Amino acid sequence: MGNVCEVWWVALRPAILAARELDGDATIGENFAWLAGVMAELDRKVAIPPVYDEALLVSCIGRRLASATDALHLVLSLRAPVEPEAV
């Protein structure tokens, strides 16, 4: 099944809940929440660990941030201007 949807739901849930309250619209992100729940249930049925929750997200945020930073540095290095060679 995969747990990408669950990971993103855990990461974005606080912002979605805040947007619901701010706009007074309980339907904001409802399909996303539903899909994350369905995917989590499917994963539980076939015993795909781990269960993603805020504690797990917090425990790996440093590693994920370092990985994203490394990727950003790589992209920026590839975009660096190239000086023409002296003839």
PDB file of N, CA and C in Angstrom:
ATOM      1  N   MET A   1       0.828  -1.193   0.000  1.00  0.00           N
ATOM      2  CA  MET A   1       0.000   0.000   0.000  1.00  0.00           C
ATOM      3  C   MET A   1       0.870   1.255   0.000  1.00  0.00           C
ATOM      4  N   GLY A   2       1.847   1.293   0.886  1.00  0.00           N
ATOM      5  CA  GLY A   2       2.690   2.478   0.984  1.00  0.00           C
ATOM      6  C   GLY A   2       2.154   3.420   2.038  1.00  0.00           C
ATOM      7  N   ASN A   3       3.031   4.214   2.590  1.00  0.00           N
ATOM      8  CA  ASN A   3       2.602   5.094   3.668  1.00  0.00           C
ATOM      9  C   ASN A   3       2.901   6.560   3.390  1.00  0.00           C
ATOM     10  N   VAL A   4       3.129   6.908   2.156  1.00  0.00           N
ATOM     11  CA  VAL A   4       3.427   8.292   1.805  1.00  0.00           C
ATOM     12  C   VAL A   4       2.273   9.211   2.196  1.00  0.00           C
ATOM     13  N   CYS A   5       1.054   8.786   1.920  1.00  0.00           N
ATOM     14  CA  CYS A   5      -0.117   9.593   2.266  1.00  0.00           C
ATOM     15  C   CYS A   5      -0.185   9.825   3.772  1.00  0.00           C
ATOM     16  N   GLU A   6       0.083   8.776   4.540  1.00  0.00           N
ATOM     17  CA  GLU A   6       0.043   8.906   5.999  1.00  0.00           C
ATOM     18  C   GLU A   6       1.110   9.869   6.504  1.00  0.00           C
ATOM     19  N   VAL A   7       2.291   9.798   5.915  1.00  0.00           N
ATOM     20  CA  VAL A   7       3.379  10.691   6.319  1.00  0.00           C
ATOM     21  C   VAL A   7       2.972  12.144   6.077  1.00  0.00           C
ATOM     22  N   TRP A   8       2.436  12.422   4.900  1.00  0.00           N
ATOM     23  CA  TRP A   8       2.032  13.785   4.589  1.00  0.00           C
ATOM     24  C   TRP A   8       0.858  14.229   5.446  1.00  0.00           C
ATOM     25  N   TRP A   9      -0.052  13.327   5.769  1.00  0.00           N
ATOM     26  CA  TRP A   9      -1.169  13.702   6.631  1.00  0.00           C
ATOM     27  C   TRP A   9      -0.653  14.116   8.015  1.00  0.00           C
ATOM     28  N   VAL A  10       0.285  13.348   8.561  1.00  0.00           N
ATOM     29  CA  VAL A  10       0.842  13.696   9.874  1.00  0.00           C
ATOM     30  C   VAL A  10       1.527  15.059   9.807  1.00  0.00           C
ATOM     31  N   ALA A  11       2.261  15.302   8.729  1.00  0.00           N
ATOM     32  CA  ALA A  11       2.982  16.571   8.596  1.00  0.00           C
ATOM     33  C   ALA A  11       2.040  17.751   8.395  1.00  0.00           C
ATOM     34  N   LEU A  12       0.986  17.564   7.621  1.00  0.00           N
ATOM     35  CA  LEU A  12       0.111  18.683   7.263  1.00  0.00           C
ATOM     36  C   LEU A  12      -1.131  18.827   8.135  1.00  0.00           C
ATOM     37  N   ARG A  13      -1.443  17.817   8.924  1.00  0.00           N
ATOM     38  CA  ARG A  13      -2.659  17.827   9.744  1.00  0.00           C
ATOM     39  C   ARG A  13      -2.800  19.087  10.604  1.00  0.00           C
ATOM     40  N   PRO A  14      -1.761  19.515  11.332  1.00  0.00           N
ATOM     41  CA  PRO A  14      -1.934  20.723  12.149  1.00  0.00           C
ATOM     42  C   PRO A  14      -2.326  21.957  11.328  1.00  0.00           C
ATOM     43  N   ALA A  15      -1.724  22.116  10.156  1.00  0.00           N
ATOM     44  CA  ALA A  15      -2.054  23.273   9.309  1.00  0.00           C
ATOM     45  C   ALA A  15      -3.471  23.154   8.757  1.00  0.00           C
ATOM     46  N   ILE A  16      -3.879  21.951   8.396  1.00  0.00           N
ATOM     47  CA  ILE A  16      -5.236  21.748   7.876  1.00  0.00           C
ATOM     48  C   ILE A  16      -6.270  22.020   8.957  1.00  0.00           C
ATOM     49  N   LEU A  17      -6.013  21.526  10.156  1.00  0.00           N
ATOM     50  CA  LEU A  17      -6.953  21.782  11.254  1.00  0.00           C
ATOM     51  C   LEU A  17      -7.028  23.269  11.583  1.00  0.00           C
ATOM     52  N   ALA A  18      -5.888  23.955  11.528  1.00  0.00           N
ATOM     53  CA  ALA A  18      -5.878  25.399  11.770  1.00  0.00           C
ATOM     54  C   ALA A  18      -6.664  26.136  10.688  1.00  0.00           C
ATOM     55  N   ALA A  19      -6.500  25.718   9.428  1.00  0.00           N
ATOM     56  CA  ALA A  19      -7.236  26.345   8.324  1.00  0.00           C
ATOM     57  C   ALA A  19      -8.731  26.116   8.481  1.00  0.00           C
ATOM     58  N   ARG A  20      -9.122  24.935   8.922  1.00  0.00           N
ATOM     59  CA  ARG A  20     -10.542  24.658   9.159  1.00  0.00           C
ATOM     60  C   ARG A  20     -11.109  25.619  10.187  1.00  0.00           C
ATOM     61  N   GLU A  21     -10.366  25.786  11.275  1.00  0.00           N
ATOM     62  CA  GLU A  21     -10.852  26.667  12.340  1.00  0.00           C
ATOM     63  C   GLU A  21     -10.868  28.129  11.889  1.00  0.00           C
ATOM     64  N   LEU A  22      -9.812  28.553  11.219  1.00  0.00           N
ATOM     65  CA  LEU A  22      -9.715  29.936  10.756  1.00  0.00           C
ATOM     66  C   LEU A  22     -10.839  30.287   9.790  1.00  0.00           C
ATOM     67  N   ASP A  23     -11.124  29.392   8.864  1.00  0.00           N
ATOM     68  CA  ASP A  23     -12.154  29.645   7.856  1.00  0.00           C
ATOM     69  C   ASP A  23     -13.548  29.196   8.297  1.00  0.00           C
ATOM     70  N   GLY A  24     -13.618  28.487   9.406  1.00  0.00           N
ATOM     71  CA  GLY A  24     -14.911  27.961   9.841  1.00  0.00           C
ATOM     72  C   GLY A  24     -15.462  26.947   8.856  1.00  0.00           C
ATOM     73  N   ASP A  25     -14.567  26.203   8.237  1.00  0.00           N
ATOM     74  CA  ASP A  25     -14.956  25.246   7.198  1.00  0.00           C
ATOM     75  C   ASP A  25     -14.377  23.872   7.520  1.00  0.00           C
ATOM     76  N   ALA A  26     -15.200  23.014   8.060  1.00  0.00           N
ATOM     77  CA  ALA A  26     -14.759  21.685   8.466  1.00  0.00           C
ATOM     78  C   ALA A  26     -14.457  20.768   7.286  1.00  0.00           C
ATOM     79  N   THR A  27     -14.749  21.210   6.070  1.00  0.00           N
ATOM     80  CA  THR A  27     -14.512  20.352   4.904  1.00  0.00           C
ATOM     81  C   THR A  27     -13.104  20.506   4.323  1.00  0.00           C
ATOM     82  N   ILE A  28     -12.345  21.502   4.797  1.00  0.00           N
ATOM     83  CA  ILE A  28     -10.990  21.689   4.280  1.00  0.00           C
ATOM     84  C   ILE A  28     -10.170  20.433   4.577  1.00  0.00           C
ATOM     85  N   GLY A  29      -9.628  19.852   3.553  1.00  0.00           N
ATOM     86  CA  GLY A  29      -8.780  18.676   3.694  1.00  0.00           C
ATOM     87  C   GLY A  29      -9.506  17.391   4.054  1.00  0.00           C
ATOM     88  N   GLU A  30     -10.839  17.389   3.979  1.00  0.00           N
ATOM     89  CA  GLU A  30     -11.571  16.195   4.418  1.00  0.00           C
ATOM     90  C   GLU A  30     -11.274  14.975   3.554  1.00  0.00           C
ATOM     91  N   ASN A  31     -11.095  15.165   2.268  1.00  0.00           N
ATOM     92  CA  ASN A  31     -10.784  14.019   1.402  1.00  0.00           C
ATOM     93  C   ASN A  31      -9.382  13.484   1.681  1.00  0.00           C
ATOM     94  N   PHE A  32      -8.464  14.381   1.972  1.00  0.00           N
ATOM     95  CA  PHE A  32      -7.110  13.982   2.323  1.00  0.00           C
ATOM     96  C   PHE A  32      -7.123  13.189   3.632  1.00  0.00           C
ATOM     97  N   ALA A  33      -7.863  13.684   4.623  1.00  0.00           N
ATOM     98  CA  ALA A  33      -7.967  12.986   5.906  1.00  0.00           C
ATOM     99  C   ALA A  33      -8.584  11.597   5.703  1.00  0.00           C
ATOM    100  N   TRP A  34      -9.614  11.539   4.881  1.00  0.00           N
ATOM    101  CA  TRP A  34     -10.265  10.253   4.603  1.00  0.00           C
ATOM    102  C   TRP A  34      -9.271   9.287   3.955  1.00  0.00           C
ATOM    103  N   LEU A  35      -8.547   9.766   2.928  1.00  0.00           N
ATOM    104  CA  LEU A  35      -7.599   8.916   2.228  1.00  0.00           C
ATOM    105  C   LEU A  35      -6.497   8.422   3.172  1.00  0.00           C
ATOM    106  N   ALA A  36      -5.975   9.303   4.013  1.00  0.00           N
ATOM    107  CA  ALA A  36      -4.935   8.900   4.964  1.00  0.00           C
ATOM    108  C   ALA A  36      -5.463   7.821   5.900  1.00  0.00           C
ATOM    109  N   GLY A  37      -6.700   7.959   6.336  1.00  0.00           N
ATOM    110  CA  GLY A  37      -7.299   6.948   7.196  1.00  0.00           C
ATOM    111  C   GLY A  37      -7.467   5.609   6.491  1.00  0.00           C
ATOM    112  N   VAL A  38      -7.928   5.654   5.253  1.00  0.00           N
ATOM    113  CA  VAL A  38      -8.092   4.420   4.474  1.00  0.00           C
ATOM    114  C   VAL A  38      -6.741   3.744   4.255  1.00  0.00           C
ATOM    115  N   MET A  39      -5.735   4.522   3.890  1.00  0.00           N
ATOM    116  CA  MET A  39      -4.407   3.957   3.655  1.00  0.00           C
ATOM    117  C   MET A  39      -3.821   3.368   4.939  1.00  0.00           C
ATOM    118  N   ALA A  40      -4.020   4.050   6.059  1.00  0.00           N
ATOM    119  CA  ALA A  40      -3.525   3.535   7.340  1.00  0.00           C
ATOM    120  C   ALA A  40      -4.203   2.210   7.680  1.00  0.00           C
ATOM    121  N   GLU A  41      -5.500   2.117   7.436  1.00  0.00           N
ATOM    122  CA  GLU A  41      -6.229   0.883   7.717  1.00  0.00           C
ATOM    123  C   GLU A  41      -5.748  -0.261   6.819  1.00  0.00           C
ATOM    124  N   LEU A  42      -5.529   0.032   5.545  1.00  0.00           N
ATOM    125  CA  LEU A  42      -5.009  -0.993   4.636  1.00  0.00           C
ATOM    126  C   LEU A  42      -3.623  -1.466   5.076  1.00  0.00           C
ATOM    127  N   ASP A  43      -2.786  -0.515   5.484  1.00  0.00           N
ATOM    128  CA  ASP A  43      -1.451  -0.882   5.946  1.00  0.00           C
ATOM    129  C   ASP A  43      -1.523  -1.741   7.206  1.00  0.00           C
ATOM    130  N   ARG A  44      -2.431  -1.410   8.119  1.00  0.00           N
ATOM    131  CA  ARG A  44      -2.580  -2.222   9.330  1.00  0.00           C
ATOM    132  C   ARG A  44      -3.025  -3.636   8.981  1.00  0.00           C
ATOM    133  N   LYS A  45      -3.900  -3.767   8.006  1.00  0.00           N
ATOM    134  CA  LYS A  45      -4.398  -5.093   7.624  1.00  0.00           C
ATOM    135  C   LYS A  45      -3.298  -5.987   7.068  1.00  0.00           C
ATOM    136  N   VAL A  46      -2.334  -5.402   6.390  1.00  0.00           N
ATOM    137  CA  VAL A  46      -1.247  -6.205   5.831  1.00  0.00           C
ATOM    138  C   VAL A  46       0.035  -6.057   6.649  1.00  0.00           C
ATOM    139  N   ALA A  47      -0.102  -5.479   7.826  1.00  0.00           N
ATOM    140  CA  ALA A  47       0.998  -5.356   8.796  1.00  0.00           C
ATOM    141  C   ALA A  47       2.217  -4.626   8.241  1.00  0.00           C
ATOM    142  N   ILE A  48       1.990  -3.479   7.615  1.00  0.00           N
ATOM    143  CA  ILE A  48       3.107  -2.659   7.139  1.00  0.00           C
ATOM    144  C   ILE A  48       3.474  -1.661   8.236  1.00  0.00           C
ATOM    145  N   PRO A  49       4.631  -1.856   8.857  1.00  0.00           N
ATOM    146  CA  PRO A  49       5.062  -0.880   9.857  1.00  0.00           C
ATOM    147  C   PRO A  49       5.839   0.230   9.173  1.00  0.00           C
ATOM    148  N   PRO A  50       6.148   1.311   9.795  1.00  0.00           N
ATOM    149  CA  PRO A  50       5.658   1.719  11.096  1.00  0.00           C
ATOM    150  C   PRO A  50       4.375   2.515  10.958  1.00  0.00           C
ATOM    151  N   VAL A  51       3.720   2.707  12.067  1.00  0.00           N
ATOM    152  CA  VAL A  51       2.561   3.594  12.089  1.00  0.00           C
ATOM    153  C   VAL A  51       3.110   5.010  12.222  1.00  0.00           C
ATOM    154  N   TYR A  52       2.717   5.878  11.312  1.00  0.00           N
ATOM    155  CA  TYR A  52       3.217   7.247  11.340  1.00  0.00           C
ATOM    156  C   TYR A  52       2.340   8.093  12.232  1.00  0.00           C
ATOM    157  N   ASP A  53       2.990   8.747  13.169  1.00  0.00           N
ATOM    158  CA  ASP A  53       2.297   9.673  14.041  1.00  0.00           C
ATOM    159  C   ASP A  53       3.245  10.840  14.319  1.00  0.00           C
ATOM    160  N   GLU A  54       2.784  11.794  15.111  1.00  0.00           N
ATOM    161  CA  GLU A  54       3.605  12.975  15.361  1.00  0.00           C
ATOM    162  C   GLU A  54       4.920  12.621  16.043  1.00  0.00           C
ATOM    163  N   ALA A  55       4.899  11.647  16.945  1.00  0.00           N
ATOM    164  CA  ALA A  55       6.125  11.263  17.653  1.00  0.00           C
ATOM    165  C   ALA A  55       7.179  10.746  16.669  1.00  0.00           C
ATOM    166  N   LEU A  56       6.763   9.925  15.727  1.00  0.00           N
ATOM    167  CA  LEU A  56       7.712   9.413  14.737  1.00  0.00           C
ATOM    168  C   LEU A  56       8.216  10.541  13.845  1.00  0.00           C
ATOM    169  N   LEU A  57       7.324  11.425  13.434  1.00  0.00           N
ATOM    170  CA  LEU A  57       7.724  12.547  12.596  1.00  0.00           C
ATOM    171  C   LEU A  57       8.766  13.406  13.307  1.00  0.00           C
ATOM    172  N   VAL A  58       8.537  13.693  14.585  1.00  0.00           N
ATOM    173  CA  VAL A  58       9.479  14.499  15.361  1.00  0.00           C
ATOM    174  C   VAL A  58      10.813  13.775  15.508  1.00  0.00           C
ATOM    175  N   SER A  59      10.772  12.453  15.695  1.00  0.00           N
ATOM    176  CA  SER A  59      12.009  11.708  15.902  1.00  0.00           C
ATOM    177  C   SER A  59      12.903  11.672  14.666  1.00  0.00           C
ATOM    178  N   CYS A  60      12.337  11.827  13.489  1.00  0.00           N
ATOM    179  CA  CYS A  60      13.168  11.740  12.276  1.00  0.00           C
ATOM    180  C   CYS A  60      13.273  13.074  11.540  1.00  0.00           C
ATOM    181  N   ILE A  61      12.780  14.158  12.147  1.00  0.00           N
ATOM    182  CA  ILE A  61      12.790  15.444  11.443  1.00  0.00           C
ATOM    183  C   ILE A  61      14.213  15.934  11.175  1.00  0.00           C
ATOM    184  N   GLY A  62      15.142  15.693  12.106  1.00  0.00           N
ATOM    185  CA  GLY A  62      16.526  16.133  11.898  1.00  0.00           C
ATOM    186  C   GLY A  62      17.152  15.459  10.695  1.00  0.00           C
ATOM    187  N   ARG A  63      16.952  14.158  10.584  1.00  0.00           N
ATOM    188  CA  ARG A  63      17.502  13.401   9.448  1.00  0.00           C
ATOM    189  C   ARG A  63      16.866  13.861   8.144  1.00  0.00           C
ATOM    190  N   ARG A  64      15.559  14.072   8.167  1.00  0.00           N
ATOM    191  CA  ARG A  64      14.877  14.497   6.943  1.00  0.00           C
ATOM    192  C   ARG A  64      15.298  15.901   6.529  1.00  0.00           C
ATOM    193  N   LEU A  65      15.495  16.776   7.505  1.00  0.00           N
ATOM    194  CA  LEU A  65      15.941  18.134   7.211  1.00  0.00           C
ATOM    195  C   LEU A  65      17.352  18.119   6.637  1.00  0.00           C
ATOM    196  N   ALA A  66      18.230  17.302   7.213  1.00  0.00           N
ATOM    197  CA  ALA A  66      19.602  17.198   6.703  1.00  0.00           C
ATOM    198  C   ALA A  66      19.603  16.675   5.269  1.00  0.00           C
ATOM    199  N   SER A  67      18.764  15.698   4.992  1.00  0.00           N
ATOM    200  CA  SER A  67      18.680  15.140   3.642  1.00  0.00           C
ATOM    201  C   SER A  67      18.183  16.189   2.648  1.00  0.00           C
ATOM    202  N   ALA A  68      17.161  16.939   3.037  1.00  0.00           N
ATOM    203  CA  ALA A  68      16.627  17.980   2.160  1.00  0.00           C
ATOM    204  C   ALA A  68      17.657  19.084   1.942  1.00  0.00           C
ATOM    205  N   THR A  69      18.403  19.422   2.985  1.00  0.00           N
ATOM    206  CA  THR A  69      19.442  20.448   2.874  1.00  0.00           C
ATOM    207  C   THR A  69      20.541  19.996   1.924  1.00  0.00           C
ATOM    208  N   ASP A  70      20.955  18.730   2.049  1.00  0.00           N
ATOM    209  CA  ASP A  70      21.965  18.192   1.128  1.00  0.00           C
ATOM    210  C   ASP A  70      21.475  18.245  -0.321  1.00  0.00           C
ATOM    211  N   ALA A  71      20.217  17.882  -0.534  1.00  0.00           N
ATOM    212  CA  ALA A  71      19.659  17.911  -1.886  1.00  0.00           C
ATOM    213  C   ALA A  71      19.620  19.345  -2.420  1.00  0.00           C
ATOM    214  N   LEU A  72      19.272  20.287  -1.572  1.00  0.00           N
ATOM    215  CA  LEU A  72      19.237  21.691  -1.981  1.00  0.00           C
ATOM    216  C   LEU A  72      20.633  22.177  -2.358  1.00  0.00           C
ATOM    217  N   HIS A  73      21.619  21.822  -1.547  1.00  0.00           N
ATOM    218  CA  HIS A  73      22.989  22.231  -1.865  1.00  0.00           C
ATOM    219  C   HIS A  73      23.443  21.648  -3.202  1.00  0.00           C
ATOM    220  N   LEU A  74      23.078  20.422  -3.457  1.00  0.00           N
ATOM    221  CA  LEU A  74      23.439  19.800  -4.735  1.00  0.00           C
ATOM    222  C   LEU A  74      22.807  20.554  -5.901  1.00  0.00           C
ATOM    223  N   VAL A  75      21.533  20.841  -5.794  1.00  0.00           N
ATOM    224  CA  VAL A  75      20.840  21.561  -6.871  1.00  0.00           C
ATOM    225  C   VAL A  75      21.453  22.940  -7.073  1.00  0.00           C
ATOM    226  N   LEU A  76      21.726  23.625  -5.982  1.00  0.00           N
ATOM    227  CA  LEU A  76      22.332  24.959  -6.108  1.00  0.00           C
ATOM    228  C   LEU A  76      23.718  24.885  -6.731  1.00  0.00           C
ATOM    229  N   SER A  77      24.477  23.853  -6.408  1.00  0.00           N
ATOM    230  CA  SER A  77      25.813  23.724  -6.988  1.00  0.00           C
ATOM    231  C   SER A  77      25.734  23.453  -8.492  1.00  0.00           C
ATOM    232  N   LEU A  78      24.710  22.753  -8.921  1.00  0.00           N
ATOM    233  CA  LEU A  78      24.551  22.476 -10.345  1.00  0.00           C
ATOM    234  C   LEU A  78      24.101  23.708 -11.117  1.00  0.00           C
ATOM    235  N   ARG A  79      23.518  24.662 -10.407  1.00  0.00           N
ATOM    236  CA  ARG A  79      23.056  25.894 -11.056  1.00  0.00           C
ATOM    237  C   ARG A  79      24.109  26.989 -11.040  1.00  0.00           C
ATOM    238  N   ALA A  80      25.238  26.741 -10.420  1.00  0.00           N
ATOM    239  CA  ALA A  80      26.278  27.765 -10.315  1.00  0.00           C
ATOM    240  C   ALA A  80      26.732  28.187 -11.710  1.00  0.00           C
ATOM    241  N   PRO A  81      26.971  29.474 -11.890  1.00  0.00           N
ATOM    242  CA  PRO A  81      27.421  29.930 -13.205  1.00  0.00           C
ATOM    243  C   PRO A  81      28.783  29.335 -13.546  1.00  0.00           C
ATOM    244  N   VAL A  82      28.975  29.049 -14.803  1.00  0.00           N
ATOM    245  CA  VAL A  82      30.225  28.473 -15.286  1.00  0.00           C
ATOM    246  C   VAL A  82      31.000  29.584 -15.984  1.00  0.00           C
ATOM    247  N   GLU A  83      32.232  29.783 -15.534  1.00  0.00           N
ATOM    248  CA  GLU A  83      33.082  30.806 -16.122  1.00  0.00           C
ATOM    249  C   GLU A  83      33.631  30.287 -17.456  1.00  0.00           C
ATOM    250  N   PRO A  84      33.621  31.105 -18.483  1.00  0.00           N
ATOM    251  CA  PRO A  84      34.198  30.646 -19.766  1.00  0.00           C
ATOM    252  C   PRO A  84      35.700  30.412 -19.606  1.00  0.00           C
ATOM    253  N   GLU A  85      36.173  29.395 -20.294  1.00  0.00           N
ATOM    254  CA  GLU A  85      37.607  29.083 -20.241  1.00  0.00           C
ATOM    255  C   GLU A  85      38.398  30.117 -21.030  1.00  0.00           C
ATOM    256  N   ALA A  86      39.574  30.426 -20.507  1.00  0.00           N
ATOM    257  CA  ALA A  86      40.458  31.364 -21.209  1.00  0.00           C
ATOM    258  C   ALA A  86      41.007  30.671 -22.458  1.00  0.00           C
ATOM    259  N   VAL A  87      41.020  31.370 -23.529  1.00  0.00           N
ATOM    260  CA  VAL A  87      41.515  30.787 -24.785  1.00  0.00           C
ATOM    261  C   VAL A  87      42.952  31.119 -24.986  1.00  0.00           C
TER     262      VAL A  87
END
